[in-house]
């Protein structure tokens, strides 16, 4: 009985500490990845593949694939987007990676995140591209996967009128 009581007290203390730290730590403290911004992959016939996904899975397609629209967890009044897009298998966009896919990560604090990564010896493969709907830069991970970091401006992205799959 003493062991059970001790275990319950330890568990309660841990949970109380965890709960307190969650209350006192801002959910968006510091530069970080906040979600998946897009999945990009190579395909032999992107148009046929988009047609197949649309016909068989009901994904609404635009010129570049589909946008999945969702509401952000921290503030459910704000929209967010995740892009699904097949590229021609001969695309050079994924270079220098030889992989069949690239993941786009949504980030907060892109400038600070890049500074931290540079201190760790991780250099981008290009310069930050600034657009009305957000800022983009590319990196290589240790496995040779090219990744895209996107600091989104979801309000401007929504104004672009992309086809969405909700």
Protein backbone atom coordinates (compact mmCIF):
# COMPACT_ATOMS: atom_id res chain seq x y z
CA UNK A 1 0.00 0.00 0.00
CA UNK A 2 2.90 2.38 0.79
CA UNK A 3 4.41 1.76 -2.65
CA UNK A 4 1.13 2.54 -4.38
CA UNK A 5 0.66 5.72 -2.31
CA UNK A 6 4.24 6.78 -3.04
CA UNK A 7 3.79 6.10 -6.77
CA UNK A 8 0.55 8.11 -6.82
CA UNK A 9 2.20 11.03 -4.99
CA UNK A 10 5.14 11.01 -7.41
CA UNK A 11 2.79 10.89 -10.39
CA UNK A 12 0.69 13.74 -8.97
CA UNK A 13 3.81 15.84 -8.33
CA UNK A 14 5.05 15.22 -11.87
CA UNK A 15 1.70 16.12 -13.42
CA UNK A 16 1.37 19.23 -11.27
CA UNK A 17 4.85 20.36 -12.34
CA UNK A 18 4.13 19.61 -15.99
CA UNK A 19 0.84 21.50 -15.80
CA UNK A 20 2.51 24.49 -14.12
CA UNK A 21 5.25 24.62 -16.76
CA UNK A 22 2.60 24.54 -19.54
CA UNK A 23 0.77 27.44 -17.89
CA UNK A 24 3.90 29.54 -17.45
CA UNK A 25 5.50 28.84 -20.84
CA UNK A 26 4.17 30.67 -23.85
CA UNK A 27 3.01 28.19 -26.50
CA UNK A 28 4.91 30.04 -29.23
CA UNK A 29 8.08 30.83 -27.27
CA UNK A 30 11.04 31.08 -29.61
CA UNK A 31 11.58 30.19 -33.24
CA UNK A 32 10.24 26.76 -34.13
CA UNK A 33 8.35 24.56 -36.55
CA UNK A 34 4.59 24.88 -36.01
CA UNK A 35 3.30 22.34 -38.51
CA UNK A 36 3.46 20.89 -41.99
CA UNK A 37 3.07 23.49 -44.73
CA UNK A 38 3.21 21.11 -47.65
CA UNK A 39 4.05 17.71 -49.04
CA UNK A 40 5.77 17.81 -52.43
CA UNK A 41 6.71 14.66 -54.33
CA UNK A 42 7.84 13.56 -57.78
CA UNK A 43 5.42 11.77 -60.08
CA UNK A 44 5.68 10.30 -63.58
CA UNK A 45 2.43 12.04 -64.59
CA UNK A 46 1.35 14.70 -62.06
CA UNK A 47 -1.84 15.58 -63.97
CA UNK A 48 -3.04 11.96 -64.10
CA UNK A 49 -2.16 11.48 -60.44
CA UNK A 50 -4.12 14.59 -59.44
CA UNK A 51 -7.08 13.29 -61.45
CA UNK A 52 -6.86 9.90 -59.70
CA UNK A 53 -6.76 11.47 -56.22
CA UNK A 54 -9.62 13.80 -57.10
CA UNK A 55 -11.81 11.06 -58.57
CA UNK A 56 -11.10 8.36 -55.99
CA UNK A 57 -10.43 10.29 -52.78
CA UNK A 58 -12.43 13.48 -53.39
CA UNK A 59 -9.46 15.83 -53.11
CA UNK A 60 -10.28 19.12 -54.83
CA UNK A 61 -7.46 20.10 -57.19
CA UNK A 62 -6.04 23.32 -58.52
CA UNK A 63 -3.17 23.88 -60.92
CA UNK A 64 -0.53 22.86 -58.37
CA UNK A 65 -2.41 20.24 -56.40
CA UNK A 66 -4.60 20.82 -53.36
CA UNK A 67 -4.63 23.05 -50.30
CA UNK A 68 -5.94 21.56 -47.10
CA UNK A 69 -7.48 24.35 -45.06
CA UNK A 70 -7.69 24.06 -41.29
CA UNK A 71 -7.97 26.27 -38.22
CA UNK A 72 -5.01 26.84 -35.94
CA UNK A 73 -5.15 25.17 -32.54
CA UNK A 74 -3.79 28.10 -30.55
CA UNK A 75 -6.28 30.51 -32.16
CA UNK A 76 -9.12 28.73 -33.92
CA UNK A 77 -10.21 31.97 -35.61
CA UNK A 78 -7.06 31.83 -37.77
CA UNK A 79 -6.87 29.68 -40.88
CA UNK A 80 -3.85 27.59 -41.83
CA UNK A 81 -2.99 25.70 -44.98
CA UNK A 82 -1.12 22.55 -45.97
CA UNK A 83 -0.31 22.06 -49.66
CA UNK A 84 -0.30 18.66 -51.40
CA UNK A 85 1.50 18.86 -54.72
CA UNK A 86 2.92 16.32 -57.18
CA UNK A 87 5.84 17.58 -59.31
CA UNK A 88 7.08 16.21 -62.62
CA UNK A 89 9.69 13.53 -61.88
CA UNK A 90 12.30 15.56 -63.79
CA UNK A 91 11.89 18.65 -61.56
CA UNK A 92 15.07 20.42 -60.48
CA UNK A 93 13.24 22.07 -57.57
CA UNK A 94 14.29 19.36 -55.10
CA UNK A 95 18.01 19.66 -55.94
CA UNK A 96 20.56 19.16 -54.50
CA UNK A 97 18.50 16.33 -52.97
CA UNK A 98 18.04 13.23 -55.08
CA UNK A 99 15.00 12.17 -53.01
CA UNK A 100 11.48 11.75 -54.36
CA UNK A 101 9.87 14.15 -51.89
CA UNK A 102 10.28 17.43 -50.06
CA UNK A 103 8.44 18.56 -46.94
CA UNK A 104 7.57 22.18 -46.29
CA UNK A 105 7.50 23.10 -42.59
CA UNK A 106 5.52 26.05 -41.27
CA UNK A 107 7.71 28.06 -38.88
CA UNK A 108 7.55 31.01 -36.51
CA UNK A 109 10.61 33.23 -36.22
CA UNK A 110 12.36 32.24 -39.44
CA UNK A 111 15.19 34.76 -39.06
CA UNK A 112 15.97 33.62 -35.51
CA UNK A 113 15.65 29.96 -36.46
CA UNK A 114 18.14 30.42 -39.32
CA UNK A 115 20.56 32.21 -36.97
CA UNK A 116 20.38 29.27 -34.52
CA UNK A 117 20.90 26.78 -37.32
CA UNK A 118 23.89 28.68 -38.69
CA UNK A 119 25.47 28.60 -35.21
CA UNK A 120 25.02 24.81 -35.35
CA UNK A 121 26.74 24.71 -38.75
CA UNK A 122 23.55 24.21 -40.77
CA UNK A 123 23.51 26.50 -43.78
CA UNK A 124 20.58 27.14 -46.12
CA UNK A 125 20.91 26.10 -49.76
CA UNK A 126 19.58 29.48 -50.91
CA UNK A 127 18.58 32.91 -49.59
CA UNK A 128 15.24 33.74 -47.99
CA UNK A 129 12.60 34.39 -50.63
CA UNK A 130 10.08 36.98 -49.46
CA UNK A 131 6.56 36.89 -50.89
CA UNK A 132 3.26 38.47 -49.89
CA UNK A 133 2.09 35.11 -48.47
CA UNK A 134 5.25 34.35 -46.48
CA UNK A 135 8.99 33.84 -46.47
CA UNK A 136 10.74 30.69 -47.73
CA UNK A 137 14.19 29.13 -47.48
CA UNK A 138 15.62 25.66 -48.13
CA UNK A 139 17.95 23.41 -46.12
CA UNK A 140 19.29 19.88 -46.33
CA UNK A 141 18.79 17.50 -43.42
CA UNK A 142 21.50 14.98 -42.41
CA UNK A 143 19.89 12.26 -44.61
CA UNK A 144 20.08 14.39 -47.77
CA UNK A 145 16.42 15.44 -47.78
CA UNK A 146 15.80 18.97 -48.97
CA UNK A 147 13.33 20.72 -46.68
CA UNK A 148 11.53 23.99 -47.13
CA UNK A 149 10.88 26.37 -44.24
CA UNK A 150 7.90 28.68 -44.68
CA UNK A 151 7.03 31.52 -42.34
CA UNK A 152 3.45 31.94 -43.59
CA UNK A 153 1.22 34.93 -43.90
CA UNK A 154 -2.02 32.92 -43.95
CA UNK A 155 -4.22 36.00 -44.41
CA UNK A 156 -2.49 36.84 -47.70
CA UNK A 157 -2.33 33.18 -48.71
CA UNK A 158 -6.10 32.86 -48.29
CA UNK A 159 -6.60 35.89 -50.56
CA UNK A 160 -4.86 34.05 -53.41
CA UNK A 161 -8.06 32.08 -53.91
CA UNK A 162 -6.49 28.64 -54.08
CA UNK A 163 -8.79 25.64 -54.33
CA UNK A 164 -9.06 24.06 -50.89
CA UNK A 165 -10.07 20.66 -49.61
CA UNK A 166 -11.66 21.11 -46.20
